Protein backbone atom coordinates (compact mmCIF):
# COMPACT_ATOMS: atom_id res chain seq x y z
CA UNK A 1 -29.22 30.74 3.52
CA UNK A 2 -25.78 30.95 1.48
CA UNK A 3 -25.54 29.61 -1.79
CA UNK A 4 -23.73 26.18 -1.34
CA UNK A 5 -20.78 26.63 -4.28
CA UNK A 6 -20.58 24.00 -6.60
CA UNK A 7 -17.17 22.10 -6.92
CA UNK A 8 -16.27 21.03 -10.51
CA UNK A 9 -13.60 19.00 -11.39
CA UNK A 10 -11.08 19.70 -14.63
CA UNK A 11 -8.81 18.06 -16.46
CA UNK A 12 -5.88 19.68 -17.53
CA UNK A 13 -3.06 18.40 -20.46
CA UNK A 14 0.51 19.28 -18.85
CA UNK A 15 4.06 18.74 -20.76
CA UNK A 16 4.24 15.79 -18.13
CA UNK A 17 0.94 14.34 -18.11
CA UNK A 18 -2.69 14.69 -17.31
CA UNK A 19 -3.81 16.45 -13.83
CA UNK A 20 -7.09 17.44 -12.81
CA UNK A 21 -7.95 20.37 -10.59
CA UNK A 22 -11.04 21.22 -8.49
CA UNK A 23 -12.79 24.50 -9.53
CA UNK A 24 -15.23 26.50 -7.43
CA UNK A 25 -16.18 30.30 -6.25
CA UNK A 26 -16.08 31.03 -2.34
CA UNK A 27 -16.88 33.84 -0.72
CA UNK A 28 -16.71 36.37 -3.67
CA UNK A 29 -13.45 34.46 -4.72
CA UNK A 30 -12.29 31.56 -7.20
CA UNK A 31 -10.51 28.51 -6.10
CA UNK A 32 -8.71 26.27 -8.68
CA UNK A 33 -6.38 23.71 -6.68
CA UNK A 34 -4.21 20.97 -8.41
CA UNK A 35 -5.77 17.61 -7.09
CA UNK A 36 -3.29 15.23 -8.99
CA UNK A 37 -2.89 13.07 -11.81
CA UNK A 38 -5.45 9.85 -10.62
CA UNK A 39 -8.98 10.93 -12.23
CA UNK A 40 -10.76 8.78 -8.89
CA UNK A 41 -8.69 10.08 -6.20
CA UNK A 42 -9.25 13.36 -7.70
CA UNK A 43 -13.27 12.49 -7.83
CA UNK A 44 -12.94 11.50 -4.11
CA UNK A 45 -11.03 14.80 -3.15
CA UNK A 46 -14.14 16.60 -5.39
CA UNK A 47 -16.86 14.76 -3.61
CA UNK A 48 -15.06 15.70 0.04
CA UNK A 49 -14.55 19.38 -0.80
CA UNK A 50 -19.02 19.48 -2.12
CA UNK A 51 -19.32 17.62 1.09
CA UNK A 52 -17.74 20.04 3.44
CA UNK A 53 -18.76 23.22 1.85
CA UNK A 54 -22.59 21.90 1.95
CA UNK A 55 -22.12 20.26 5.64
CA UNK A 56 -21.30 23.90 7.05
CA UNK A 57 -17.27 23.10 7.21
CA UNK A 58 -16.66 26.97 5.74
CA UNK A 59 -19.59 28.40 7.52
CA UNK A 60 -22.35 27.69 5.36
CA UNK A 61 -25.49 26.06 7.03
CA UNK A 62 -25.65 22.28 7.81
CA UNK A 63 -28.21 20.40 6.32
CA UNK A 64 -29.69 17.37 7.72
CA UNK A 65 -30.75 14.23 6.75
CA UNK A 66 -28.86 13.77 3.80
CA UNK A 67 -28.85 10.38 1.77
CA UNK A 68 -26.35 9.10 -0.51
CA UNK A 69 -25.00 6.59 -3.15
CA UNK A 70 -22.66 3.92 -2.42
CA UNK A 71 -20.40 5.66 -5.13
CA UNK A 72 -20.68 9.17 -3.61
CA UNK A 73 -19.85 7.53 -0.21
CA UNK A 74 -16.95 5.70 -1.44
CA UNK A 75 -15.37 8.80 -2.84
CA UNK A 76 -15.51 10.73 0.65
CA UNK A 77 -13.89 7.93 2.18
CA UNK A 78 -11.19 7.55 0.02
CA UNK A 79 -10.17 11.35 0.10
CA UNK A 80 -10.64 11.37 3.98
CA UNK A 81 -7.68 8.54 3.68
CA UNK A 82 -5.92 10.40 1.07
CA UNK A 83 -3.45 11.78 3.24
CA UNK A 84 -2.77 8.55 5.31
CA UNK A 85 -2.08 6.34 2.89
CA UNK A 86 0.06 5.75 -0.16
CA UNK A 87 -1.29 5.66 -3.86
CA UNK A 88 -1.09 2.30 -4.19
CA UNK A 89 -2.78 1.37 -0.70
CA UNK A 90 -5.59 3.88 -1.57
CA UNK A 91 -5.66 2.23 -5.79
CA UNK A 92 -6.02 -1.25 -3.98
CA UNK A 93 -9.19 0.12 -1.78
CA UNK A 94 -10.66 1.91 -4.91
CA UNK A 95 -10.71 -1.53 -6.70
CA UNK A 96 -11.87 -3.69 -4.42
CA UNK A 97 -14.93 -1.31 -3.12
CA UNK A 98 -15.57 -0.69 -6.75
CA UNK A 99 -16.80 -4.66 -6.79
CA UNK A 100 -18.93 -3.54 -3.76
CA UNK A 101 -20.32 -0.63 -5.71
CA UNK A 102 -20.60 -2.90 -9.25
CA UNK A 103 -22.43 -5.43 -7.30
CA UNK A 104 -25.19 -3.35 -5.79
CA UNK A 105 -25.48 -1.13 -8.98
CA UNK A 106 -26.30 -4.44 -10.56
CA UNK A 107 -28.53 -6.03 -8.13
CA UNK A 108 -29.88 -3.78 -5.75
CA UNK A 109 -30.10 -0.12 -7.58
CA UNK A 110 -31.92 1.56 -4.99
CA UNK A 111 -29.99 0.23 -2.36
CA UNK A 112 -26.74 1.57 -4.56
CA UNK A 113 -28.52 4.99 -4.90
CA UNK A 114 -29.01 5.10 -1.10
CA UNK A 115 -26.77 4.05 1.78
CA UNK A 116 -29.41 3.92 4.44
CA UNK A 117 -30.84 0.82 2.58
CA UNK A 118 -27.78 -1.13 2.88
CA UNK A 119 -28.44 -4.62 5.27
CA UNK A 120 -26.44 -7.21 6.58
CA UNK A 121 -27.63 -9.46 3.55
CA UNK A 122 -26.20 -7.27 0.63
CA UNK A 123 -23.04 -7.56 2.10
CA UNK A 124 -22.78 -11.40 2.87
CA UNK A 125 -24.48 -11.65 -0.82
CA UNK A 126 -21.71 -9.40 -2.31
CA UNK A 127 -18.99 -11.90 -0.31
CA UNK A 128 -20.76 -14.93 -2.28
CA UNK A 129 -20.93 -13.09 -5.71
CA UNK A 130 -17.65 -12.01 -5.61
CA UNK A 131 -16.23 -15.55 -4.88
CA UNK A 132 -18.07 -16.83 -8.18
CA UNK A 133 -17.57 -13.76 -10.69
CA UNK A 134 -20.44 -11.73 -11.08
CA UNK A 135 -20.05 -9.84 -14.06
CA UNK A 136 -19.00 -10.89 -17.46
CA UNK A 137 -15.45 -9.16 -17.41
CA UNK A 138 -14.65 -9.95 -13.87
CA UNK A 139 -13.17 -13.18 -12.39
CA UNK A 140 -13.69 -14.85 -9.36
CA UNK A 141 -11.95 -13.06 -6.56
CA UNK A 142 -9.59 -15.50 -4.62
CA UNK A 143 -10.67 -15.85 -0.80
CA UNK A 144 -8.24 -13.94 0.70
CA UNK A 145 -9.07 -10.45 -1.66
CA UNK A 146 -12.99 -11.24 -0.61
CA UNK A 147 -11.97 -10.69 2.76
CA UNK A 148 -9.56 -8.07 2.52
CA UNK A 149 -12.63 -6.50 0.69
CA UNK A 150 -15.02 -7.18 3.16
CA UNK A 151 -12.42 -5.95 5.93
CA UNK A 152 -12.69 -2.55 3.41
CA UNK A 153 -16.75 -2.29 3.41
CA UNK A 154 -16.79 -2.83 6.97
CA UNK A 155 -14.13 0.43 7.51
CA UNK A 156 -16.26 2.06 4.52
CA UNK A 157 -19.67 1.58 6.53
CA UNK A 158 -18.12 2.49 9.58
CA UNK A 159 -17.33 5.90 8.28
CA UNK A 160 -20.74 6.13 7.06
CA UNK A 161 -21.71 5.67 10.44
CA UNK A 162 -19.28 8.19 11.83
CA UNK A 163 -20.58 10.86 9.07
CA UNK A 164 -24.10 10.51 10.69
CA UNK A 165 -25.19 8.83 7.30
CA UNK A 166 -26.54 5.17 9.04
CA UNK A 167 -27.11 4.42 12.10
CA UNK A 168 -25.36 1.06 12.65
CA UNK A 169 -22.55 -0.88 10.85
CA UNK A 170 -24.92 -3.33 8.96
CA UNK A 171 -21.20 -5.19 8.02
CA UNK A 172 -21.10 -6.16 11.77
CA UNK A 173 -20.47 -9.90 11.85
CA UNK A 174 -20.34 -10.68 8.47
CA UNK A 175 -18.66 -14.06 8.44
CA UNK A 176 -14.85 -13.92 6.53
CA UNK A 177 -14.37 -16.99 3.87
CA UNK A 178 -11.95 -19.96 5.68
CA UNK A 179 -8.95 -19.87 4.05
CA UNK A 180 -5.26 -21.90 4.67
CA UNK A 181 -2.91 -20.42 6.65
CA UNK A 182 0.11 -18.87 4.63
CA UNK A 183 3.31 -21.16 5.23
CA UNK A 184 6.58 -19.59 5.83
CA UNK A 185 7.28 -17.42 2.91
CA UNK A 186 9.86 -18.60 -0.14
CA UNK A 187 13.49 -16.96 0.74
CA UNK A 188 16.86 -17.74 -0.74
CA UNK A 189 19.09 -20.07 0.93
CA UNK A 190 23.03 -19.57 1.61
CA UNK A 191 24.31 -21.31 -1.23
CA UNK A 192 21.62 -19.89 -3.50
CA UNK A 193 22.72 -16.32 -2.52
CA UNK A 194 26.42 -17.12 -3.57
CA UNK A 195 25.46 -18.11 -6.99
CA UNK A 196 23.40 -14.68 -7.43
CA UNK A 197 26.23 -12.47 -6.53
CA UNK A 198 28.62 -14.64 -8.74
CA UNK A 199 26.19 -14.63 -11.67
CA UNK A 200 24.61 -11.11 -11.15
CA UNK A 201 25.02 -7.91 -13.42
CA UNK A 202 27.87 -6.08 -11.47
CA UNK A 203 26.33 -2.98 -11.98
CA UNK A 204 22.94 -4.26 -9.89
CA UNK A 205 25.22 -6.97 -7.51
CA UNK A 206 25.19 -3.77 -5.07
CA UNK A 207 21.18 -3.26 -5.45
CA UNK A 208 20.58 -6.56 -5.29
CA UNK A 209 23.49 -7.26 -1.80
CA UNK A 210 21.79 -4.22 0.17
CA UNK A 211 17.97 -5.56 -0.42
CA UNK A 212 19.65 -8.57 1.47
CA UNK A 213 21.58 -6.94 4.05
CA UNK A 214 18.73 -4.72 5.11
CA UNK A 215 15.68 -6.08 4.51
CA UNK A 216 14.61 -2.57 2.66
CA UNK A 217 11.88 -2.77 0.37
CA UNK A 218 12.78 -2.13 -3.48
CA UNK A 219 11.10 1.10 -3.55
CA UNK A 220 12.67 2.68 -0.90
CA UNK A 221 16.10 1.14 -2.12
CA UNK A 222 15.35 2.72 -5.68
CA UNK A 223 14.50 6.01 -3.91
CA UNK A 224 17.12 6.36 -1.08
CA UNK A 225 18.97 9.77 -1.91
CA UNK A 226 22.25 10.69 0.05
CA UNK A 227 20.83 13.09 1.70
CA UNK A 228 19.16 10.29 4.02
CA UNK A 229 22.16 8.43 4.13
CA UNK A 230 23.87 9.11 7.96
CA UNK A 231 27.80 6.96 7.02
CA UNK A 232 29.08 9.15 9.65
CA UNK A 233 27.00 8.49 13.05
CA UNK A 234 28.29 6.23 15.58
CA UNK A 235 25.48 3.85 14.70
CA UNK A 236 25.69 4.56 10.40
CA UNK A 237 22.03 4.67 9.43
CA UNK A 238 19.96 5.48 6.68
CA UNK A 239 15.98 7.47 6.62
CA UNK A 240 13.70 5.71 4.83
CA UNK A 241 10.68 9.10 4.70
CA UNK A 242 8.41 9.99 1.39
CA UNK A 243 9.30 13.10 -0.87
CA UNK A 244 7.71 14.93 -3.05
CA UNK A 245 7.74 12.48 -5.85
CA UNK A 246 7.71 9.30 -3.87
CA UNK A 247 5.42 7.98 -0.71
CA UNK A 248 6.73 4.79 1.64
CA UNK A 249 4.28 2.28 1.85
CA UNK A 250 2.56 2.96 5.07
CA UNK A 251 3.33 6.85 4.95
CA UNK A 252 5.73 6.90 7.77
CA UNK A 253 9.71 7.93 8.37
CA UNK A 254 11.71 5.26 9.70
CA UNK A 255 15.35 4.39 10.16
CA UNK A 256 17.49 1.73 9.01
CA UNK A 257 20.50 0.95 10.73
CA UNK A 258 23.21 -0.92 8.40
CA UNK A 259 25.49 -3.70 9.74
CA UNK A 260 28.97 -3.42 8.39
CA UNK A 261 28.09 -5.05 5.02
CA UNK A 262 25.26 -2.87 4.12
CA UNK A 263 27.76 -0.28 4.94
CA UNK A 264 30.25 -0.99 2.67
CA UNK A 265 28.09 -1.45 -0.01
CA UNK A 266 26.65 2.42 0.77
CA UNK A 267 30.49 3.73 0.67
CA UNK A 268 31.19 2.08 -2.47
CA UNK A 269 28.50 3.85 -4.36
CA UNK A 270 29.24 7.35 -3.35
CA UNK A 271 30.78 8.51 -6.84
CA UNK A 272 28.10 7.18 -9.10
CA UNK A 273 25.11 9.81 -8.72
CA UNK A 274 24.91 13.06 -6.67
CA UNK A 275 21.37 12.50 -5.88
CA UNK A 276 20.50 8.69 -5.77
CA UNK A 277 22.39 5.67 -4.16
CA UNK A 278 21.42 2.93 -6.73
CA UNK A 279 20.92 5.54 -9.98
CA UNK A 280 20.40 4.01 -13.28
CA UNK A 281 23.16 3.55 -15.76
CA UNK A 282 23.12 6.64 -17.42
CA UNK A 283 22.39 8.57 -14.19
CA UNK A 284 19.36 9.69 -11.87
CA UNK A 285 16.62 7.52 -10.63
CA UNK A 286 16.17 4.25 -12.42
CA UNK A 287 12.61 2.99 -13.25
CA UNK A 288 12.24 -0.36 -10.61
CA UNK A 289 11.37 -2.33 -13.93
CA UNK A 290 15.18 -2.15 -14.81
CA UNK A 291 16.85 -4.16 -11.55
CA UNK A 292 13.76 -6.50 -11.98
CA UNK A 293 14.21 -7.79 -15.25
CA UNK A 294 17.72 -8.00 -14.40
CA UNK A 295 17.36 -10.12 -11.53
CA UNK A 296 14.93 -12.40 -12.95
CA UNK A 297 17.31 -12.87 -16.38
CA UNK A 298 20.31 -14.16 -14.15
CA UNK A 299 17.64 -16.21 -11.56
CA UNK A 300 16.32 -17.89 -15.01
CA UNK A 301 20.05 -18.76 -15.62
CA UNK A 302 20.66 -20.36 -12.58
CA UNK A 303 16.95 -21.87 -12.33
CA UNK A 304 16.30 -20.50 -9.03
CA UNK A 305 12.63 -18.95 -8.78
CA UNK A 306 12.13 -15.69 -6.61
CA UNK A 307 12.23 -12.14 -7.30
CA UNK A 308 13.82 -9.00 -5.74
CA UNK A 309 10.81 -8.92 -2.69
CA UNK A 310 12.35 -12.27 -1.79
CA UNK A 311 15.63 -10.54 -0.77
CA UNK A 312 13.37 -9.00 1.97
CA UNK A 313 12.05 -12.17 2.83
CA UNK A 314 15.43 -13.84 2.98
CA UNK A 315 16.77 -10.88 5.42
CA UNK A 316 14.10 -11.68 7.89
CA UNK A 317 13.83 -15.81 7.38
CA UNK A 318 17.64 -15.46 8.03
CA UNK A 319 17.59 -13.63 11.43
CA UNK A 320 14.77 -15.55 12.74
CA UNK A 321 17.15 -18.45 12.11
CA UNK A 322 19.92 -16.71 14.11
CA UNK A 323 17.26 -16.60 16.96
CA UNK A 324 15.74 -12.75 16.73
CA UNK A 325 12.90 -12.39 18.23
CA UNK A 326 9.74 -11.38 15.91
CA UNK A 327 9.18 -7.95 17.33
CA UNK A 328 12.62 -7.02 16.27
CA UNK A 329 12.56 -8.38 12.75
CA UNK A 330 8.95 -6.78 12.73
CA UNK A 331 10.26 -3.36 13.85
CA UNK A 332 13.47 -3.65 11.34
CA UNK A 333 11.16 -4.48 8.57
CA UNK A 334 8.57 -1.46 9.25
CA UNK A 335 5.92 -3.45 9.65
CA UNK A 336 2.77 -2.21 10.89
CA UNK A 337 1.39 -4.80 12.97
CA UNK A 338 3.26 -8.18 14.69
CA UNK A 339 0.66 -10.26 12.34
CA UNK A 340 2.89 -9.33 9.40
CA UNK A 341 5.88 -10.87 11.05
CA UNK A 342 4.47 -13.61 12.66
CA UNK A 343 5.11 -16.01 9.61
CA UNK A 344 9.05 -16.10 10.38
CA UNK A 345 8.15 -16.94 14.09
CA UNK A 346 8.28 -20.83 13.01
CA UNK A 347 11.82 -20.29 11.71
CA UNK A 348 13.24 -19.55 15.60
CA UNK A 349 15.49 -22.04 16.83
CA UNK A 350 13.19 -21.54 20.43
CA UNK A 351 10.22 -22.64 18.37
CA UNK A 352 11.89 -25.26 16.96
CA UNK A 353 13.05 -26.79 19.88
CA UNK A 354 9.89 -26.38 22.23
CA UNK A 355 8.04 -28.38 19.32
CA UNK A 356 10.95 -31.22 19.29
CA UNK A 357 10.65 -31.43 22.71
CA UNK A 358 7.22 -32.40 23.27
CA UNK A 359 8.14 -36.00 22.04
CA UNK A 360 10.58 -36.13 25.03
């Protein structure tokens, strides 16, 4: 039997910060590969490489009946998803699954060390403890957060089934905590928008208007570069896609068609920066806190509650009130499921008419 390589993780100090790399020997050659700047994610990739080497992905004899800890399982699970999800999404997965890890390590250490011991009662008890806060440094989690964590635990244990670590998913059937449905998201009225346009910093006004005219996310507009802008097309559009320094929320690309108002904003920006459509005042890429702080200052002056993301809700809400279908709004916003767009349905004229007509 070939000797299984040992994968180590090394921290490297570089001019632009800390990086992590995996280091191991394979077939007489040393492999050293940079795996990012986030330690937790780097550990997840390390665990996946170690698993692949151990289980024979590279021709090494497979071991059977391998038992792993919950921590190892989480690392492998996150590594499996790392190429499909954004860093922000992976961080949320990591933080919420960490609650499950801490719970088992504190109350069921034997189960924490061996995932085959996990039973349905462990999952339901974790749910109950998270709602109360079971560690001194941890506050009680909101019901929605706990429910999302239950979904992630379910996904984690499905992954364990797929990898033959366990035979069935003990989280299946675990009841979620009842939560009050979200109402229609808050949005700016036409009058509030006009006040914002009049009061806003003139440098950031085009950025604010573009968010409203397109419904784009703040990060999408900040990272929009001229090579992804197509104003000469029959129907002008911009491409939203990941780059070497930034990933879209879903890691998927999409096209946003430009209205006449959005196109006018883009055209007026053409001479401001050679790379970014909405650059910093000094040129180059802007930090996302800068336009945010500028808007908050304006909103405070006007005594209007809100933030940058509220422009996206306003875009969708105004479309819904003009009769645009839920599916069309979801497609424009880049939502991954129709459920995400459902909250705007109550604003549609058809919905309102169907409700009032019930009175006869």
